Amino acid sequence: MSIFLLFFQDSGILGGLGMFLPIILMVGIFYFLVILPQKKQQQQLKEMIAGLKINDEVVTNGGIIGRIKEIRETSFIIQSAEKTFLEIGKTAVVGVKADEKK
């Protein structure tokens, strides 16, 4: 990299861009390795939440596992035990409980 910069130093082709090129490359790498996969994961979670229906078992970000009994505009009513009903926000759902095979 330094040989490349020395080659064009006298001609002024790189100018100020030569100083910012490493920073631009780091931002690009950061975007493709961190931000893009996170956006994809958020989109998948959003689609999963939109596809939930009554009697699906869900897991919340607090670790509560329950079965959906009612779907509201911004929340779910879940049953976590025989007589325990909880209202949770749709954003609290982190996944669908996987079926346990014995």
N, C-alpha and C. Protein backbone atom coordinates (compact mmCIF):
# COMPACT_ATOMS: atom_id res chain seq x y z
N MET A 1 0.83 -1.19 0.00
CA MET A 1 0.00 0.00 0.00
C MET A 1 0.87 1.25 0.00
N SER A 2 1.97 1.25 0.78
CA SER A 2 2.82 2.43 0.86
C SER A 2 3.57 2.64 -0.45
N ILE A 3 3.91 1.57 -1.17
CA ILE A 3 4.57 1.72 -2.47
C ILE A 3 3.61 2.39 -3.44
N PHE A 4 2.34 2.01 -3.38
CA PHE A 4 1.32 2.61 -4.24
C PHE A 4 1.19 4.10 -3.95
N LEU A 5 1.20 4.48 -2.68
CA LEU A 5 1.09 5.89 -2.32
C LEU A 5 2.34 6.67 -2.73
N LEU A 6 3.52 6.07 -2.57
CA LEU A 6 4.76 6.74 -2.97
C LEU A 6 4.81 6.94 -4.48
N PHE A 7 4.30 6.01 -5.22
CA PHE A 7 4.32 6.11 -6.68
C PHE A 7 3.51 7.31 -7.17
N PHE A 8 2.38 7.57 -6.55
CA PHE A 8 1.52 8.66 -7.00
C PHE A 8 1.67 9.93 -6.18
N GLN A 9 2.60 9.96 -5.24
CA GLN A 9 2.74 11.11 -4.36
C GLN A 9 3.16 12.36 -5.14
N ASP A 10 4.09 12.25 -6.04
CA ASP A 10 4.58 13.41 -6.78
C ASP A 10 3.57 13.91 -7.79
N SER A 11 2.81 13.00 -8.37
CA SER A 11 1.89 13.42 -9.42
C SER A 11 0.62 14.03 -8.87
N GLY A 12 0.31 13.83 -7.61
CA GLY A 12 -0.87 14.44 -7.00
C GLY A 12 -2.17 13.79 -7.42
N ILE A 13 -2.11 12.59 -7.97
CA ILE A 13 -3.33 11.92 -8.42
C ILE A 13 -4.22 11.58 -7.22
N LEU A 14 -3.61 11.06 -6.14
CA LEU A 14 -4.41 10.69 -4.98
C LEU A 14 -4.76 11.90 -4.12
N GLY A 15 -3.86 12.79 -3.94
CA GLY A 15 -4.12 13.99 -3.16
C GLY A 15 -4.64 13.65 -1.77
N GLY A 16 -5.75 14.26 -1.39
CA GLY A 16 -6.34 14.04 -0.08
C GLY A 16 -7.02 12.70 0.05
N LEU A 17 -7.38 12.09 -1.09
CA LEU A 17 -8.05 10.79 -1.05
C LEU A 17 -7.16 9.71 -0.46
N GLY A 18 -5.87 9.84 -0.62
CA GLY A 18 -4.93 8.84 -0.10
C GLY A 18 -4.99 8.71 1.40
N MET A 19 -5.28 9.80 2.09
CA MET A 19 -5.37 9.75 3.54
C MET A 19 -6.67 9.08 3.99
N PHE A 20 -7.73 9.26 3.24
CA PHE A 20 -9.04 8.75 3.65
C PHE A 20 -9.36 7.37 3.10
N LEU A 21 -8.54 6.88 2.20
CA LEU A 21 -8.79 5.57 1.60
C LEU A 21 -8.87 4.44 2.63
N PRO A 22 -7.96 4.35 3.61
CA PRO A 22 -8.09 3.28 4.61
C PRO A 22 -9.37 3.39 5.44
N ILE A 23 -9.77 4.61 5.77
CA ILE A 23 -11.00 4.81 6.55
C ILE A 23 -12.22 4.39 5.73
N ILE A 24 -12.23 4.75 4.47
CA ILE A 24 -13.34 4.37 3.59
C ILE A 24 -13.42 2.86 3.46
N LEU A 25 -12.27 2.20 3.32
CA LEU A 25 -12.25 0.74 3.24
C LEU A 25 -12.74 0.10 4.53
N MET A 26 -12.36 0.64 5.69
CA MET A 26 -12.82 0.08 6.97
C MET A 26 -14.33 0.24 7.13
N VAL A 27 -14.87 1.38 6.73
CA VAL A 27 -16.32 1.59 6.80
C VAL A 27 -17.03 0.61 5.88
N GLY A 28 -16.51 0.39 4.69
CA GLY A 28 -17.11 -0.56 3.76
C GLY A 28 -17.10 -1.98 4.30
N ILE A 29 -15.98 -2.39 4.86
CA ILE A 29 -15.87 -3.72 5.44
C ILE A 29 -16.81 -3.87 6.63
N PHE A 30 -16.87 -2.85 7.48
CA PHE A 30 -17.77 -2.86 8.64
C PHE A 30 -19.22 -3.00 8.19
N TYR A 31 -19.59 -2.29 7.12
CA TYR A 31 -20.97 -2.36 6.62
C TYR A 31 -21.31 -3.77 6.16
N PHE A 32 -20.43 -4.39 5.39
CA PHE A 32 -20.74 -5.70 4.84
C PHE A 32 -20.63 -6.83 5.87
N LEU A 33 -19.81 -6.66 6.91
CA LEU A 33 -19.65 -7.71 7.90
C LEU A 33 -20.56 -7.58 9.12
N VAL A 34 -21.04 -6.37 9.41
CA VAL A 34 -21.84 -6.16 10.62
C VAL A 34 -23.24 -5.67 10.31
N ILE A 35 -23.35 -4.58 9.61
CA ILE A 35 -24.65 -3.92 9.43
C ILE A 35 -25.56 -4.71 8.50
N LEU A 36 -25.07 -5.14 7.37
CA LEU A 36 -25.90 -5.86 6.40
C LEU A 36 -26.48 -7.16 6.97
N PRO A 37 -25.68 -8.03 7.63
CA PRO A 37 -26.27 -9.24 8.21
C PRO A 37 -27.29 -8.94 9.31
N GLN A 38 -27.06 -7.88 10.09
CA GLN A 38 -27.99 -7.52 11.14
C GLN A 38 -29.32 -7.05 10.56
N LYS A 39 -29.29 -6.29 9.49
CA LYS A 39 -30.52 -5.86 8.83
C LYS A 39 -31.29 -7.05 8.27
N LYS A 40 -30.57 -8.02 7.73
CA LYS A 40 -31.21 -9.22 7.19
C LYS A 40 -31.88 -10.01 8.31
N GLN A 41 -31.21 -10.14 9.46
CA GLN A 41 -31.77 -10.87 10.59
C GLN A 41 -33.01 -10.15 11.13
N GLN A 42 -32.98 -8.83 11.21
CA GLN A 42 -34.14 -8.08 11.67
C GLN A 42 -35.32 -8.25 10.73
N GLN A 43 -35.07 -8.27 9.44
CA GLN A 43 -36.14 -8.46 8.46
C GLN A 43 -36.76 -9.85 8.59
N GLN A 44 -35.93 -10.88 8.80
CA GLN A 44 -36.45 -12.23 8.99
C GLN A 44 -37.31 -12.32 10.24
N LEU A 45 -36.89 -11.68 11.34
CA LEU A 45 -37.66 -11.69 12.57
C LEU A 45 -38.99 -10.97 12.38
N LYS A 46 -38.97 -9.87 11.67
CA LYS A 46 -40.19 -9.12 11.39
C LYS A 46 -41.19 -9.95 10.59
N GLU A 47 -40.69 -10.68 9.59
CA GLU A 47 -41.55 -11.55 8.78
C GLU A 47 -42.09 -12.71 9.61
N MET A 48 -41.26 -13.25 10.50
CA MET A 48 -41.69 -14.35 11.36
C MET A 48 -42.81 -13.89 12.30
N ILE A 49 -42.67 -12.71 12.89
CA ILE A 49 -43.68 -12.18 13.79
C ILE A 49 -44.98 -11.91 13.04
N ALA A 50 -44.87 -11.40 11.82
CA ALA A 50 -46.07 -11.14 11.03
C ALA A 50 -46.80 -12.43 10.66
N GLY A 51 -46.09 -13.54 10.59
CA GLY A 51 -46.69 -14.81 10.20
C GLY A 51 -47.21 -15.65 11.36
N LEU A 52 -47.08 -15.15 12.59
CA LEU A 52 -47.56 -15.91 13.74
C LEU A 52 -49.08 -15.96 13.76
N LYS A 53 -49.61 -17.08 14.26
CA LYS A 53 -51.06 -17.25 14.34
C LYS A 53 -51.41 -17.85 15.70
N ILE A 54 -52.68 -17.94 15.99
CA ILE A 54 -53.14 -18.47 17.26
C ILE A 54 -52.67 -19.92 17.41
N ASN A 55 -52.30 -20.28 18.63
CA ASN A 55 -51.79 -21.59 19.05
C ASN A 55 -50.33 -21.84 18.67
N ASP A 56 -49.63 -20.87 18.13
CA ASP A 56 -48.19 -21.01 17.93
C ASP A 56 -47.50 -20.79 19.27
N GLU A 57 -46.47 -21.58 19.54
CA GLU A 57 -45.70 -21.40 20.77
C GLU A 57 -44.54 -20.47 20.48
N VAL A 58 -44.41 -19.43 21.31
CA VAL A 58 -43.38 -18.43 21.10
C VAL A 58 -42.48 -18.32 22.33
N VAL A 59 -41.29 -17.77 22.10
CA VAL A 59 -40.34 -17.49 23.17
C VAL A 59 -40.11 -15.99 23.17
N THR A 60 -40.18 -15.39 24.37
CA THR A 60 -39.96 -13.95 24.47
C THR A 60 -38.50 -13.67 24.80
N ASN A 61 -38.13 -12.39 24.72
CA ASN A 61 -36.75 -12.03 25.04
C ASN A 61 -36.46 -12.17 26.53
N GLY A 62 -37.48 -12.34 27.35
CA GLY A 62 -37.29 -12.61 28.77
C GLY A 62 -37.23 -14.09 29.10
N GLY A 63 -37.40 -14.93 28.08
CA GLY A 63 -37.32 -16.37 28.28
C GLY A 63 -38.65 -17.04 28.57
N ILE A 64 -39.74 -16.29 28.49
CA ILE A 64 -41.06 -16.86 28.74
C ILE A 64 -41.52 -17.61 27.50
N ILE A 65 -42.01 -18.82 27.71
CA ILE A 65 -42.53 -19.62 26.61
C ILE A 65 -44.04 -19.71 26.80
N GLY A 66 -44.77 -19.42 25.74
CA GLY A 66 -46.22 -19.47 25.85
C GLY A 66 -46.88 -19.71 24.51
N ARG A 67 -48.15 -20.02 24.58
CA ARG A 67 -48.94 -20.29 23.38
C ARG A 67 -49.83 -19.07 23.12
N ILE A 68 -49.84 -18.58 21.89
CA ILE A 68 -50.62 -17.40 21.53
C ILE A 68 -52.11 -17.75 21.59
N LYS A 69 -52.85 -16.93 22.33
CA LYS A 69 -54.30 -17.13 22.45
C LYS A 69 -55.08 -16.02 21.75
N GLU A 70 -54.48 -14.85 21.62
CA GLU A 70 -55.15 -13.73 20.96
C GLU A 70 -54.10 -12.83 20.33
N ILE A 71 -54.41 -12.32 19.15
CA ILE A 71 -53.49 -11.42 18.45
C ILE A 71 -54.13 -10.04 18.39
N ARG A 72 -53.41 -9.06 18.90
CA ARG A 72 -53.87 -7.67 18.86
C ARG A 72 -52.96 -6.89 17.89
N GLU A 73 -53.24 -5.62 17.78
CA GLU A 73 -52.50 -4.80 16.82
C GLU A 73 -51.01 -4.72 17.15
N THR A 74 -50.69 -4.47 18.41
CA THR A 74 -49.28 -4.33 18.79
C THR A 74 -48.84 -5.33 19.85
N SER A 75 -49.69 -6.28 20.19
CA SER A 75 -49.33 -7.23 21.24
C SER A 75 -49.99 -8.58 21.02
N PHE A 76 -49.55 -9.54 21.81
CA PHE A 76 -50.12 -10.88 21.82
C PHE A 76 -50.60 -11.17 23.24
N ILE A 77 -51.64 -11.95 23.37
CA ILE A 77 -52.02 -12.52 24.65
C ILE A 77 -51.55 -13.97 24.59
N ILE A 78 -50.64 -14.32 25.51
CA ILE A 78 -50.13 -15.69 25.51
C ILE A 78 -50.52 -16.39 26.81
N GLN A 79 -50.62 -17.69 26.73
CA GLN A 79 -50.89 -18.51 27.90
C GLN A 79 -49.60 -19.25 28.22
N SER A 80 -49.04 -18.94 29.41
CA SER A 80 -47.77 -19.56 29.76
C SER A 80 -47.94 -20.73 30.72
N ALA A 81 -49.05 -20.80 31.40
CA ALA A 81 -49.37 -21.93 32.27
C ALA A 81 -50.87 -22.17 32.13
N GLU A 82 -51.41 -23.08 32.92
CA GLU A 82 -52.81 -23.45 32.75
C GLU A 82 -53.76 -22.27 32.89
N LYS A 83 -53.53 -21.42 33.88
CA LYS A 83 -54.44 -20.29 34.11
C LYS A 83 -53.71 -18.94 34.06
N THR A 84 -52.56 -18.91 33.45
CA THR A 84 -51.77 -17.69 33.41
C THR A 84 -51.75 -17.11 32.00
N PHE A 85 -52.33 -15.93 31.85
CA PHE A 85 -52.34 -15.25 30.57
C PHE A 85 -51.52 -13.97 30.70
N LEU A 86 -50.67 -13.72 29.73
CA LEU A 86 -49.81 -12.54 29.72
C LEU A 86 -50.00 -11.78 28.43
N GLU A 87 -49.97 -10.46 28.53
CA GLU A 87 -49.96 -9.64 27.32
C GLU A 87 -48.54 -9.18 27.08
N ILE A 88 -48.01 -9.53 25.94
CA ILE A 88 -46.64 -9.16 25.60
C ILE A 88 -46.64 -8.35 24.30
N GLY A 89 -45.70 -7.46 24.16
CA GLY A 89 -45.55 -6.71 22.93
C GLY A 89 -45.02 -7.60 21.82
N LYS A 90 -45.40 -7.29 20.61
CA LYS A 90 -44.93 -8.09 19.48
C LYS A 90 -43.40 -8.04 19.36
N THR A 91 -42.81 -6.94 19.79
CA THR A 91 -41.36 -6.80 19.70
C THR A 91 -40.63 -7.66 20.73
N ALA A 92 -41.36 -8.20 21.73
CA ALA A 92 -40.73 -9.05 22.75
C ALA A 92 -40.52 -10.47 22.25
N VAL A 93 -41.15 -10.85 21.16
CA VAL A 93 -41.02 -12.21 20.64
C VAL A 93 -39.68 -12.32 19.90
N VAL A 94 -38.90 -13.35 20.29
CA VAL A 94 -37.61 -13.55 19.64
C VAL A 94 -37.57 -14.83 18.81
N GLY A 95 -38.58 -15.67 18.96
CA GLY A 95 -38.58 -16.88 18.16
C GLY A 95 -39.80 -17.75 18.43
N VAL A 96 -39.90 -18.78 17.62
CA VAL A 96 -40.94 -19.77 17.78
C VAL A 96 -40.31 -20.99 18.43
N LYS A 97 -41.00 -21.55 19.42
CA LYS A 97 -40.44 -22.70 20.14
C LYS A 97 -40.37 -23.88 19.19
N ALA A 98 -39.20 -24.49 19.14
CA ALA A 98 -39.02 -25.66 18.28
C ALA A 98 -39.67 -26.87 18.92
N ASP A 99 -40.22 -27.76 18.11
CA ASP A 99 -40.81 -28.99 18.60
C ASP A 99 -39.70 -29.89 19.13
N GLU A 100 -39.92 -30.39 20.32
CA GLU A 100 -38.93 -31.29 20.93
C GLU A 100 -39.26 -32.72 20.52
N LYS A 101 -38.32 -33.37 19.88
CA LYS A 101 -38.49 -34.76 19.46
C LYS A 101 -37.87 -35.67 20.51
N LYS A 102 -38.61 -36.69 20.92
CA LYS A 102 -38.09 -37.60 21.94
C LYS A 102 -37.80 -38.94 21.33
